[in-house]
Amino acid sequence: MPWDQNKCQWGYPVNFTDQDAAQAVADADFSQSVFVNTSQAGQTRQAYTYVVVQGYRICVVGHIHPQGNQPPQVGNAFIPGWMNWAIPTPTASAQVIAGLPDGGQFPGDGRYPHPI
């Protein structure tokens, strides 16, 4: 998949692949999320965290669907700006996201790759 040139104006890792994206999701530490929110209906929760790939800070977003007293249903994880790609949020990450309080600062343009 390609990077969205309109949103990734600060640059991006060259030769980045879907496998690199999957590795970034696997490496994401959602306990360090910078923003977590739950939809008004309580059906979707998302968390934003960062990983470093090829000298760029990459945002990884994990989604879950809370199920009351049951383990959360896994949603999709994706990388903002990496077009047309998503994989299921890893189960261990879903458990972490389920336990996080809502809060933090929405990253805005910070959710797109930035050189470090």
Protein backbone atom coordinates (compact mmCIF):
# COMPACT_ATOMS: atom_id res chain seq x y z
CA MET A 1 0.00 0.00 0.00
CA PRO A 2 1.21 3.54 -0.57
CA TRP A 3 1.56 6.42 1.86
CA ASP A 4 -1.07 9.14 1.47
CA GLN A 5 1.02 11.96 -0.01
CA ASN A 6 -1.51 14.58 1.10
CA LYS A 7 -1.30 13.57 4.76
CA CYS A 8 2.33 12.47 5.05
CA GLN A 9 3.93 15.78 4.17
CA TRP A 10 6.69 15.37 6.80
CA GLY A 11 8.07 12.33 5.03
CA TYR A 12 7.74 8.62 5.70
CA PRO A 13 9.82 5.46 5.78
CA VAL A 14 10.90 4.51 2.28
CA ASN A 15 10.36 0.95 1.10
CA PHE A 16 7.74 0.50 3.85
CA THR A 17 5.60 -2.60 3.25
CA ASP A 18 2.49 -4.19 4.66
CA GLN A 19 4.83 -6.50 6.59
CA ASP A 20 6.51 -3.45 8.14
CA ALA A 21 3.07 -2.13 9.07
CA ALA A 22 2.15 -5.46 10.67
CA GLN A 23 5.43 -5.41 12.63
CA ALA A 24 4.70 -1.87 13.83
CA VAL A 25 1.31 -3.06 15.13
CA ALA A 26 2.98 -6.02 16.84
CA ASP A 27 5.56 -3.69 18.43
CA ALA A 28 3.00 -1.12 19.60
CA ASP A 29 2.85 -0.64 23.37
CA PHE A 30 -0.69 0.53 23.98
CA SER A 31 0.01 0.99 27.68
CA GLN A 32 1.83 4.12 26.46
CA SER A 33 -1.14 5.46 24.46
CA VAL A 34 -1.30 9.21 24.00
CA PHE A 35 -5.05 9.26 23.33
CA VAL A 36 -7.85 6.85 24.17
CA ASN A 37 -11.54 7.38 23.55
CA THR A 38 -14.76 5.42 23.57
CA SER A 39 -17.62 6.21 21.21
CA GLN A 40 -20.73 7.78 22.72
CA ALA A 41 -22.62 4.53 22.23
CA GLY A 42 -19.79 2.67 23.96
CA GLN A 43 -19.44 0.25 21.05
CA THR A 44 -15.95 1.20 19.92
CA ARG A 45 -12.81 2.18 21.78
CA GLN A 46 -9.63 3.33 20.10
CA ALA A 47 -6.13 3.99 21.38
CA TYR A 48 -3.25 5.82 19.69
CA THR A 49 0.40 5.05 20.41
CA TYR A 50 3.72 5.45 18.62
CA VAL A 51 6.54 3.22 17.40
CA VAL A 52 9.76 4.17 15.62
CA VAL A 53 10.35 2.75 12.15
CA GLN A 54 13.33 3.68 9.95
CA GLY A 55 13.88 6.95 11.83
CA TYR A 56 10.21 8.00 11.74
CA ARG A 57 7.69 8.12 14.54
CA ILE A 58 4.71 6.10 13.30
CA CYS A 59 1.30 6.22 14.96
CA VAL A 60 -0.52 2.93 15.48
CA VAL A 61 -4.23 2.93 16.24
CA GLY A 62 -5.90 -0.07 17.86
CA HIS A 63 -9.68 -0.55 17.94
CA ILE A 64 -11.72 -2.80 20.18
CA HIS A 65 -15.42 -3.34 20.85
CA PRO A 66 -16.12 -3.54 24.60
CA GLN A 67 -18.40 -6.43 25.61
CA GLY A 68 -19.42 -5.58 29.19
CA ASN A 69 -17.95 -8.18 31.54
CA GLN A 70 -16.61 -10.25 28.65
CA PRO A 71 -13.22 -9.89 26.96
CA PRO A 72 -13.35 -7.17 24.30
CA GLN A 73 -14.07 -8.05 20.71
CA VAL A 74 -11.03 -7.29 18.56
CA GLY A 75 -11.40 -4.50 16.03
CA ASN A 76 -8.86 -3.37 13.45
CA ALA A 77 -5.46 -1.78 13.92
CA PHE A 78 -4.07 0.61 11.34
CA ILE A 79 -1.41 3.24 10.71
CA PRO A 80 -2.73 6.68 9.79
CA GLY A 81 -1.49 7.63 6.36
CA TRP A 82 -0.75 4.03 5.27
CA MET A 83 -3.61 3.70 2.82
CA ASN A 84 -6.07 0.84 2.46
CA TRP A 85 -4.54 -1.38 5.11
CA ALA A 86 -5.65 -2.77 8.46
CA ILE A 87 -5.20 -5.97 10.47
CA PRO A 88 -6.98 -7.24 13.57
CA THR A 89 -5.79 -5.59 16.77
CA PRO A 90 -3.67 -8.21 18.56
CA THR A 91 -5.58 -9.89 21.40
CA ALA A 92 -3.00 -8.89 24.02
CA SER A 93 -3.22 -5.27 22.83
CA ALA A 94 -7.03 -5.42 22.95
CA GLN A 95 -6.83 -6.41 26.62
CA VAL A 96 -4.53 -3.46 27.34
CA ILE A 97 -6.78 -1.02 25.46
CA ALA A 98 -9.83 -2.32 27.37
CA GLY A 99 -8.16 -1.41 30.67
CA LEU A 100 -7.14 2.13 29.72
CA PRO A 101 -9.09 5.18 30.84
CA ASP A 102 -10.35 7.58 28.21
CA GLY A 103 -8.21 10.67 27.89
CA GLY A 104 -5.10 12.24 26.49
CA GLN A 105 -4.65 14.58 23.58
CA PHE A 106 -5.83 13.63 20.08
CA PRO A 107 -2.61 13.67 18.03
CA GLY A 108 -3.98 15.63 15.05
CA ASP A 109 -1.31 15.80 12.36
CA GLY A 110 1.03 14.03 14.78
CA ARG A 111 -0.68 10.79 13.82
CA TYR A 112 1.12 10.88 10.47
CA PRO A 113 4.81 9.94 10.13
CA HIS A 114 7.33 12.47 11.42
CA PRO A 115 11.11 12.14 11.40
CA ILE A 116 12.69 11.80 14.82
